[in-house]
Amino acid sequence: MLAEVQAILRHANIQTTSRYLSVGVEELFDKLTEHYSPPKPQTHFPTGYAAADIEAVFGA
């Protein structure tokens, strides 16, 4: 797993990557996944629909 993080961060030396072990590899992985994940598109509804009706059908 550390070698995968090394590749993602593009570190030539594993010692550079090992600095991040104090953070926790799982936490670092989650942050990297969040960073590289594409943003979720905003959902737009046509005008004329009441916000309460959209929330009732699709949830908040």
PDB file of N, CA and C in Angstrom:
ATOM      1  N   MET A   1       0.830  -1.194   0.000  1.00  0.00           N
ATOM      2  CA  MET A   1       0.000   0.000   0.000  1.00  0.00           C
ATOM      3  C   MET A   1       0.874   1.258   0.000  1.00  0.00           C
ATOM      4  N   LEU A   2       1.974   1.240   0.757  1.00  0.00           N
ATOM      5  CA  LEU A   2       2.837   2.409   0.797  1.00  0.00           C
ATOM      6  C   LEU A   2       3.439   2.691  -0.571  1.00  0.00           C
ATOM      7  N   ALA A   3       3.785   1.640  -1.298  1.00  0.00           N
ATOM      8  CA  ALA A   3       4.335   1.837  -2.644  1.00  0.00           C
ATOM      9  C   ALA A   3       3.304   2.478  -3.569  1.00  0.00           C
ATOM     10  N   GLU A   4       2.033   2.149  -3.381  1.00  0.00           N
ATOM     11  CA  GLU A   4       0.981   2.769  -4.188  1.00  0.00           C
ATOM     12  C   GLU A   4       0.856   4.258  -3.874  1.00  0.00           C
ATOM     13  N   VAL A   5       0.941   4.600  -2.594  1.00  0.00           N
ATOM     14  CA  VAL A   5       0.899   6.005  -2.193  1.00  0.00           C
ATOM     15  C   VAL A   5       2.117   6.722  -2.758  1.00  0.00           C
ATOM     16  N   GLN A   6       3.280   6.066  -2.724  1.00  0.00           N
ATOM     17  CA  GLN A   6       4.490   6.641  -3.293  1.00  0.00           C
ATOM     18  C   GLN A   6       4.290   6.959  -4.775  1.00  0.00           C
ATOM     19  N   ALA A   7       3.667   6.051  -5.490  1.00  0.00           N
ATOM     20  CA  ALA A   7       3.423   6.269  -6.920  1.00  0.00           C
ATOM     21  C   ALA A   7       2.448   7.420  -7.149  1.00  0.00           C
ATOM     22  N   ILE A   8       1.402   7.497  -6.342  1.00  0.00           N
ATOM     23  CA  ILE A   8       0.418   8.570  -6.485  1.00  0.00           C
ATOM     24  C   ILE A   8       1.068   9.928  -6.224  1.00  0.00           C
ATOM     25  N   LEU A   9       1.905   9.990  -5.198  1.00  0.00           N
ATOM     26  CA  LEU A   9       2.551  11.253  -4.842  1.00  0.00           C
ATOM     27  C   LEU A   9       3.776  11.553  -5.702  1.00  0.00           C
ATOM     28  N   ARG A  10       4.159  10.570  -6.511  1.00  0.00           N
ATOM     29  CA  ARG A  10       5.307  10.704  -7.416  1.00  0.00           C
ATOM     30  C   ARG A  10       6.611  10.954  -6.677  1.00  0.00           C
ATOM     31  N   HIS A  11       6.798  10.254  -5.559  1.00  0.00           N
ATOM     32  CA  HIS A  11       8.043  10.347  -4.812  1.00  0.00           C
ATOM     33  C   HIS A  11       9.041   9.332  -5.365  1.00  0.00           C
ATOM     34  N   ALA A  12      10.249   9.780  -5.609  1.00  0.00           N
ATOM     35  CA  ALA A  12      11.288   8.883  -6.110  1.00  0.00           C
ATOM     36  C   ALA A  12      11.820   7.982  -4.995  1.00  0.00           C
ATOM     37  N   ASN A  13      11.800   8.456  -3.772  1.00  0.00           N
ATOM     38  CA  ASN A  13      12.354   7.721  -2.642  1.00  0.00           C
ATOM     39  C   ASN A  13      11.242   7.385  -1.653  1.00  0.00           C
ATOM     40  N   ILE A  14      11.219   6.143  -1.210  1.00  0.00           N
ATOM     41  CA  ILE A  14      10.179   5.700  -0.270  1.00  0.00           C
ATOM     42  C   ILE A  14      10.293   6.426   1.071  1.00  0.00           C
ATOM     43  N   GLN A  15      11.481   6.907   1.431  1.00  0.00           N
ATOM     44  CA  GLN A  15      11.663   7.647   2.687  1.00  0.00           C
ATOM     45  C   GLN A  15      10.859   8.945   2.682  1.00  0.00           C
ATOM     46  N   THR A  16      10.746   9.556   1.530  1.00  0.00           N
ATOM     47  CA  THR A  16       9.942  10.776   1.423  1.00  0.00           C
ATOM     48  C   THR A  16       8.487  10.463   1.722  1.00  0.00           C
ATOM     49  N   THR A  17       8.017   9.363   1.193  1.00  0.00           N
ATOM     50  CA  THR A  17       6.621   8.955   1.405  1.00  0.00           C
ATOM     51  C   THR A  17       6.378   8.550   2.852  1.00  0.00           C
ATOM     52  N   SER A  18       7.362   7.956   3.492  1.00  0.00           N
ATOM     53  CA  SER A  18       7.177   7.456   4.858  1.00  0.00           C
ATOM     54  C   SER A  18       6.917   8.580   5.858  1.00  0.00           C
ATOM     55  N   ARG A  19       7.200   9.824   5.503  1.00  0.00           N
ATOM     56  CA  ARG A  19       6.865  10.951   6.387  1.00  0.00           C
ATOM     57  C   ARG A  19       5.374  11.001   6.687  1.00  0.00           C
ATOM     58  N   TYR A  20       4.582  10.539   5.754  1.00  0.00           N
ATOM     59  CA  TYR A  20       3.132  10.627   5.892  1.00  0.00           C
ATOM     60  C   TYR A  20       2.536   9.499   6.724  1.00  0.00           C
ATOM     61  N   LEU A  21       3.356   8.581   7.182  1.00  0.00           N
ATOM     62  CA  LEU A  21       2.845   7.460   7.968  1.00  0.00           C
ATOM     63  C   LEU A  21       2.289   7.914   9.310  1.00  0.00           C
ATOM     64  N   SER A  22       2.807   8.978   9.859  1.00  0.00           N
ATOM     65  CA  SER A  22       2.287   9.454  11.136  1.00  0.00           C
ATOM     66  C   SER A  22       0.845   9.941  10.997  1.00  0.00           C
ATOM     67  N   VAL A  23       0.456  10.336   9.800  1.00  0.00           N
ATOM     68  CA  VAL A  23      -0.913  10.767   9.543  1.00  0.00           C
ATOM     69  C   VAL A  23      -1.829   9.551   9.524  1.00  0.00           C
ATOM     70  N   GLY A  24      -1.343   8.463   9.035  1.00  0.00           N
ATOM     71  CA  GLY A  24      -2.142   7.261   8.859  1.00  0.00           C
ATOM     72  C   GLY A  24      -2.419   7.049   7.392  1.00  0.00           C
ATOM     73  N   VAL A  25      -2.016   5.919   6.883  1.00  0.00           N
ATOM     74  CA  VAL A  25      -2.147   5.646   5.458  1.00  0.00           C
ATOM     75  C   VAL A  25      -3.608   5.683   5.036  1.00  0.00           C
ATOM     76  N   GLU A  26      -4.502   5.194   5.876  1.00  0.00           N
ATOM     77  CA  GLU A  26      -5.918   5.176   5.525  1.00  0.00           C
ATOM     78  C   GLU A  26      -6.453   6.600   5.361  1.00  0.00           C
ATOM     79  N   GLU A  27      -6.077   7.476   6.287  1.00  0.00           N
ATOM     80  CA  GLU A  27      -6.534   8.862   6.202  1.00  0.00           C
ATOM     81  C   GLU A  27      -5.962   9.548   4.961  1.00  0.00           C
ATOM     82  N   LEU A  28      -4.701   9.289   4.687  1.00  0.00           N
ATOM     83  CA  LEU A  28      -4.071   9.854   3.496  1.00  0.00           C
ATOM     84  C   LEU A  28      -4.746   9.341   2.230  1.00  0.00           C
ATOM     85  N   PHE A  29      -5.039   8.043   2.202  1.00  0.00           N
ATOM     86  CA  PHE A  29      -5.712   7.454   1.056  1.00  0.00           C
ATOM     87  C   PHE A  29      -7.088   8.091   0.844  1.00  0.00           C
ATOM     88  N   ASP A  30      -7.833   8.278   1.933  1.00  0.00           N
ATOM     89  CA  ASP A  30      -9.155   8.910   1.830  1.00  0.00           C
ATOM     90  C   ASP A  30      -9.057  10.330   1.288  1.00  0.00           C
ATOM     91  N   LYS A  31      -8.065  11.076   1.762  1.00  0.00           N
ATOM     92  CA  LYS A  31      -7.886  12.452   1.296  1.00  0.00           C
ATOM     93  C   LYS A  31      -7.489  12.481  -0.173  1.00  0.00           C
ATOM     94  N   LEU A  32      -6.619  11.568  -0.589  1.00  0.00           N
ATOM     95  CA  LEU A  32      -6.222  11.510  -1.996  1.00  0.00           C
ATOM     96  C   LEU A  32      -7.399  11.117  -2.876  1.00  0.00           C
ATOM     97  N   THR A  33      -8.184  10.166  -2.425  1.00  0.00           N
ATOM     98  CA  THR A  33      -9.360   9.747  -3.179  1.00  0.00           C
ATOM     99  C   THR A  33     -10.333  10.910  -3.321  1.00  0.00           C
ATOM    100  N   GLU A  34     -10.542  11.634  -2.241  1.00  0.00           N
ATOM    101  CA  GLU A  34     -11.424  12.801  -2.281  1.00  0.00           C
ATOM    102  C   GLU A  34     -10.881  13.862  -3.238  1.00  0.00           C
ATOM    103  N   HIS A  35      -9.574  14.071  -3.192  1.00  0.00           N
ATOM    104  CA  HIS A  35      -8.957  15.088  -4.034  1.00  0.00           C
ATOM    105  C   HIS A  35      -9.079  14.754  -5.521  1.00  0.00           C
ATOM    106  N   TYR A  36      -8.864  13.487  -5.873  1.00  0.00           N
ATOM    107  CA  TYR A  36      -8.856  13.091  -7.280  1.00  0.00           C
ATOM    108  C   TYR A  36     -10.217  12.670  -7.813  1.00  0.00           C
ATOM    109  N   SER A  37     -11.233  12.629  -6.959  1.00  0.00           N
ATOM    110  CA  SER A  37     -12.578  12.272  -7.417  1.00  0.00           C
ATOM    111  C   SER A  37     -13.185  13.450  -8.166  1.00  0.00           C
ATOM    112  N   PRO A  38     -13.838  13.178  -9.288  1.00  0.00           N
ATOM    113  CA  PRO A  38     -14.468  14.287 -10.017  1.00  0.00           C
ATOM    114  C   PRO A  38     -15.614  14.867  -9.198  1.00  0.00           C
ATOM    115  N   PRO A  39     -15.841  16.166  -9.306  1.00  0.00           N
ATOM    116  CA  PRO A  39     -16.944  16.770  -8.551  1.00  0.00           C
ATOM    117  C   PRO A  39     -18.287  16.232  -9.036  1.00  0.00           C
ATOM    118  N   LYS A  40     -19.198  16.116  -8.103  1.00  0.00           N
ATOM    119  CA  LYS A  40     -20.534  15.649  -8.456  1.00  0.00           C
ATOM    120  C   LYS A  40     -21.284  16.772  -9.157  1.00  0.00           C
ATOM    121  N   PRO A  41     -21.928  16.470 -10.271  1.00  0.00           N
ATOM    122  CA  PRO A  41     -22.638  17.526 -10.999  1.00  0.00           C
ATOM    123  C   PRO A  41     -23.832  18.045 -10.193  1.00  0.00           C
ATOM    124  N   GLN A  42     -24.069  19.316 -10.320  1.00  0.00           N
ATOM    125  CA  GLN A  42     -25.228  19.923  -9.679  1.00  0.00           C
ATOM    126  C   GLN A  42     -26.487  19.461 -10.402  1.00  0.00           C
ATOM    127  N   THR A  43     -27.508  19.149  -9.648  1.00  0.00           N
ATOM    128  CA  THR A  43     -28.780  18.746 -10.233  1.00  0.00           C
ATOM    129  C   THR A  43     -29.658  19.979 -10.394  1.00  0.00           C
ATOM    130  N   HIS A  44     -30.092  20.215 -11.613  1.00  0.00           N
ATOM    131  CA  HIS A  44     -30.967  21.350 -11.890  1.00  0.00           C
ATOM    132  C   HIS A  44     -32.307  20.835 -12.393  1.00  0.00           C
ATOM    133  N   PHE A  45     -33.346  21.442 -11.904  1.00  0.00           N
ATOM    134  CA  PHE A  45     -34.685  21.072 -12.326  1.00  0.00           C
ATOM    135  C   PHE A  45     -35.276  22.225 -13.129  1.00  0.00           C
ATOM    136  N   PRO A  46     -36.127  21.914 -14.075  1.00  0.00           N
ATOM    137  CA  PRO A  46     -36.746  22.986 -14.868  1.00  0.00           C
ATOM    138  C   PRO A  46     -37.528  23.935 -13.968  1.00  0.00           C
ATOM    139  N   THR A  47     -37.584  25.177 -14.378  1.00  0.00           N
ATOM    140  CA  THR A  47     -38.353  26.154 -13.601  1.00  0.00           C
ATOM    141  C   THR A  47     -39.828  25.785 -13.631  1.00  0.00           C
ATOM    142  N   GLY A  48     -40.507  26.210 -12.631  1.00  0.00           N
ATOM    143  CA  GLY A  48     -41.937  25.935 -12.553  1.00  0.00           C
ATOM    144  C   GLY A  48     -42.281  24.878 -11.522  1.00  0.00           C
ATOM    145  N   TYR A  49     -41.276  24.153 -11.040  1.00  0.00           N
ATOM    146  CA  TYR A  49     -41.523  23.151 -10.007  1.00  0.00           C
ATOM    147  C   TYR A  49     -41.251  23.768  -8.644  1.00  0.00           C
ATOM    148  N   ALA A  50     -42.137  23.509  -7.709  1.00  0.00           N
ATOM    149  CA  ALA A  50     -41.961  24.016  -6.353  1.00  0.00           C
ATOM    150  C   ALA A  50     -40.852  23.228  -5.655  1.00  0.00           C
ATOM    151  N   ALA A  51     -40.029  23.938  -4.901  1.00  0.00           N
ATOM    152  CA  ALA A  51     -38.922  23.296  -4.187  1.00  0.00           C
ATOM    153  C   ALA A  51     -39.423  22.204  -3.248  1.00  0.00           C
ATOM    154  N   ALA A  52     -40.552  22.413  -2.616  1.00  0.00           N
ATOM    155  CA  ALA A  52     -41.112  21.407  -1.701  1.00  0.00           C
ATOM    156  C   ALA A  52     -41.494  20.134  -2.454  1.00  0.00           C
ATOM    157  N   ASP A  53     -42.012  20.275  -3.675  1.00  0.00           N
ATOM    158  CA  ASP A  53     -42.379  19.104  -4.474  1.00  0.00           C
ATOM    159  C   ASP A  53     -41.131  18.319  -4.889  1.00  0.00           C
ATOM    160  N   ILE A  54     -40.079  19.031  -5.294  1.00  0.00           N
ATOM    161  CA  ILE A  54     -38.830  18.354  -5.689  1.00  0.00           C
ATOM    162  C   ILE A  54     -38.243  17.621  -4.502  1.00  0.00           C
ATOM    163  N   GLU A  55     -38.261  18.251  -3.327  1.00  0.00           N
ATOM    164  CA  GLU A  55     -37.726  17.604  -2.142  1.00  0.00           C
ATOM    165  C   GLU A  55     -38.560  16.384  -1.753  1.00  0.00           C
ATOM    166  N   ALA A  56     -39.874  16.458  -1.914  1.00  0.00           N
ATOM    167  CA  ALA A  56     -40.753  15.336  -1.578  1.00  0.00           C
ATOM    168  C   ALA A  56     -40.464  14.129  -2.484  1.00  0.00           C
ATOM    169  N   VAL A  57     -40.160  14.384  -3.747  1.00  0.00           N
ATOM    170  CA  VAL A  57     -39.927  13.293  -4.692  1.00  0.00           C
ATOM    171  C   VAL A  57     -38.490  12.765  -4.603  1.00  0.00           C
ATOM    172  N   PHE A  58     -37.512  13.677  -4.583  1.00  0.00           N
ATOM    173  CA  PHE A  58     -36.115  13.271  -4.670  1.00  0.00           C
ATOM    174  C   PHE A  58     -35.360  13.305  -3.345  1.00  0.00           C
ATOM    175  N   GLY A  59     -35.947  13.889  -2.309  1.00  0.00           N
ATOM    176  CA  GLY A  59     -35.266  13.998  -1.032  1.00  0.00           C
ATOM    177  C   GLY A  59     -34.354  15.203  -0.990  1.00  0.00           C
ATOM    178  N   ALA A  60     -33.768  15.433   0.155  1.00  0.00           N
ATOM    179  CA  ALA A  60     -32.925  16.629   0.325  1.00  0.00           C
ATOM    180  C   ALA A  60     -31.556  16.448  -0.245  1.00  0.00           C
TER     181      ALA A  60
END
